[in-house]
C-alpha cells in the first residue's frame, strides 16, 4: 500500500515536472504529519532549504535521503 502511494506521488510529480515540494506536499509524500516534518527540519534530519521564508524540498534529494535511511 505504501509503495503504491509513493508511485502515485512520483508519477504526479513527474507529470507536473515538479521538482520542488512544499511542507504539505512532502508530508503527504512521506505519509507523516506536518509537525513531524517540522521536527526533522529543526533537528537537521531532512534535506531542505528556505526560499522567501518558505521551506522547500527537492524531490530527488528526498528520494536519496529515503534510500539512505534504509541502509
C-alpha atoms as a PDB file:
ATOM      1  CA  UNK A   1       0.000   0.000   0.000  1.00  0.00           C
ATOM      2  CA  UNK A   2       2.795   2.406   0.914  1.00  0.00           C
ATOM      3  CA  UNK A   3       4.639   1.587  -2.305  1.00  0.00           C
ATOM      4  CA  UNK A   4       1.511   2.350  -4.323  1.00  0.00           C
ATOM      5  CA  UNK A   5       1.248   5.738  -2.613  1.00  0.00           C
ATOM      6  CA  UNK A   6       4.899   6.574  -3.408  1.00  0.00           C
ATOM      7  CA  UNK A   7       4.391   5.527  -7.025  1.00  0.00           C
ATOM      8  CA  UNK A   8       1.293   7.719  -7.358  1.00  0.00           C
ATOM      9  CA  UNK A   9       3.029  10.758  -5.883  1.00  0.00           C
ATOM     10  CA  UNK A  10       6.128  10.134  -8.008  1.00  0.00           C
ATOM     11  CA  UNK A  11       4.035   9.896 -11.166  1.00  0.00           C
ATOM     12  CA  UNK A  12       2.204  13.082 -10.209  1.00  0.00           C
ATOM     13  CA  UNK A  13       5.493  14.914  -9.676  1.00  0.00           C
ATOM     14  CA  UNK A  14       6.878  13.650 -12.972  1.00  0.00           C
ATOM     15  CA  UNK A  15       3.721  14.555 -14.848  1.00  0.00           C
ATOM     16  CA  UNK A  16       3.746  18.083 -13.499  1.00  0.00           C
ATOM     17  CA  UNK A  17       7.542  18.263 -13.744  1.00  0.00           C
ATOM     18  CA  UNK A  18       7.521  19.495 -10.186  1.00  0.00           C
ATOM     19  CA  UNK A  19      10.876  19.195  -8.536  1.00  0.00           C
ATOM     20  CA  UNK A  20      10.281  21.442  -5.530  1.00  0.00           C
ATOM     21  CA  UNK A  21       7.802  20.365  -2.900  1.00  0.00           C
ATOM     22  CA  UNK A  22       6.189  22.281  -0.035  1.00  0.00           C
ATOM     23  CA  UNK A  23       5.836  21.202   3.600  1.00  0.00           C
ATOM     24  CA  UNK A  24       2.326  19.943   2.869  1.00  0.00           C
ATOM     25  CA  UNK A  25       3.423  18.024  -0.222  1.00  0.00           C
ATOM     26  CA  UNK A  26       6.423  16.440   1.479  1.00  0.00           C
ATOM     27  CA  UNK A  27       4.318  15.409   4.485  1.00  0.00           C
ATOM     28  CA  UNK A  28       1.830  13.775   2.123  1.00  0.00           C
ATOM     29  CA  UNK A  29       4.612  12.135   0.115  1.00  0.00           C
ATOM     30  CA  UNK A  30       6.219  10.697   3.248  1.00  0.00           C
ATOM     31  CA  UNK A  31       2.846   9.955   4.869  1.00  0.00           C
ATOM     32  CA  UNK A  32       3.701  11.801   8.058  1.00  0.00           C
ATOM     33  CA  UNK A  33       2.200  14.800   9.806  1.00  0.00           C
ATOM     34  CA  UNK A  34       3.477  18.283   9.010  1.00  0.00           C
ATOM     35  CA  UNK A  35       4.569  18.504  12.648  1.00  0.00           C
ATOM     36  CA  UNK A  36       6.934  15.561  12.058  1.00  0.00           C
ATOM     37  CA  UNK A  37       8.479  17.307   9.046  1.00  0.00           C
ATOM     38  CA  UNK A  38       8.999  20.456  11.140  1.00  0.00           C
ATOM     39  CA  UNK A  39      10.680  18.367  13.870  1.00  0.00           C
ATOM     40  CA  UNK A  40      13.001  16.792  11.292  1.00  0.00           C
ATOM     41  CA  UNK A  41      13.817  20.256   9.938  1.00  0.00           C
ATOM     42  CA  UNK A  42      14.603  21.563  13.421  1.00  0.00           C
ATOM     43  CA  UNK A  43      16.960  18.620  14.021  1.00  0.00           C
ATOM     44  CA  UNK A  44      18.531  18.879  10.551  1.00  0.00           C
ATOM     45  CA  UNK A  45      17.439  15.352   9.677  1.00  0.00           C
ATOM     46  CA  UNK A  46      15.823  16.064   6.303  1.00  0.00           C
ATOM     47  CA  UNK A  47      17.338  17.870   3.290  1.00  0.00           C
ATOM     48  CA  UNK A  48      15.586  21.172   2.631  1.00  0.00           C
ATOM     49  CA  UNK A  49      16.169  24.861   2.055  1.00  0.00           C
ATOM     50  CA  UNK A  50      14.284  28.076   2.623  1.00  0.00           C
ATOM     51  CA  UNK A  51      13.285  30.416  -0.145  1.00  0.00           C
ATOM     52  CA  UNK A  52      11.359  33.607   0.581  1.00  0.00           C
ATOM     53  CA  UNK A  53      10.813  32.327   4.120  1.00  0.00           C
ATOM     54  CA  UNK A  54       9.218  29.067   2.957  1.00  0.00           C
ATOM     55  CA  UNK A  55      10.706  25.592   3.300  1.00  0.00           C
ATOM     56  CA  UNK A  56      11.179  23.729   0.029  1.00  0.00           C
ATOM     57  CA  UNK A  57      12.269  20.171  -0.680  1.00  0.00           C
ATOM     58  CA  UNK A  58      13.854  18.789  -3.834  1.00  0.00           C
ATOM     59  CA  UNK A  59      12.144  15.509  -4.614  1.00  0.00           C
ATOM     60  CA  UNK A  60      15.347  13.912  -5.924  1.00  0.00           C
ATOM     61  CA  UNK A  61      17.150  14.758  -2.670  1.00  0.00           C
ATOM     62  CA  UNK A  62      14.266  13.405  -0.609  1.00  0.00           C
ATOM     63  CA  UNK A  63      14.307  10.155  -2.581  1.00  0.00           C
ATOM     64  CA  UNK A  64      18.066   9.778  -1.980  1.00  0.00           C
ATOM     65  CA  UNK A  65      17.539  10.626   1.707  1.00  0.00           C
ATOM     66  CA  UNK A  66      14.850   7.931   1.950  1.00  0.00           C
ATOM     67  CA  UNK A  67      17.200   5.371   0.425  1.00  0.00           C
ATOM     68  CA  UNK A  68      19.955   6.315   2.877  1.00  0.00           C
ATOM     69  CA  UNK A  69      17.543   5.864   5.805  1.00  0.00           C
ATOM     70  CA  UNK A  70      17.012   2.237   4.811  1.00  0.00           C
ATOM     71  CA  UNK A  71      20.724   1.422   4.952  1.00  0.00           C
END
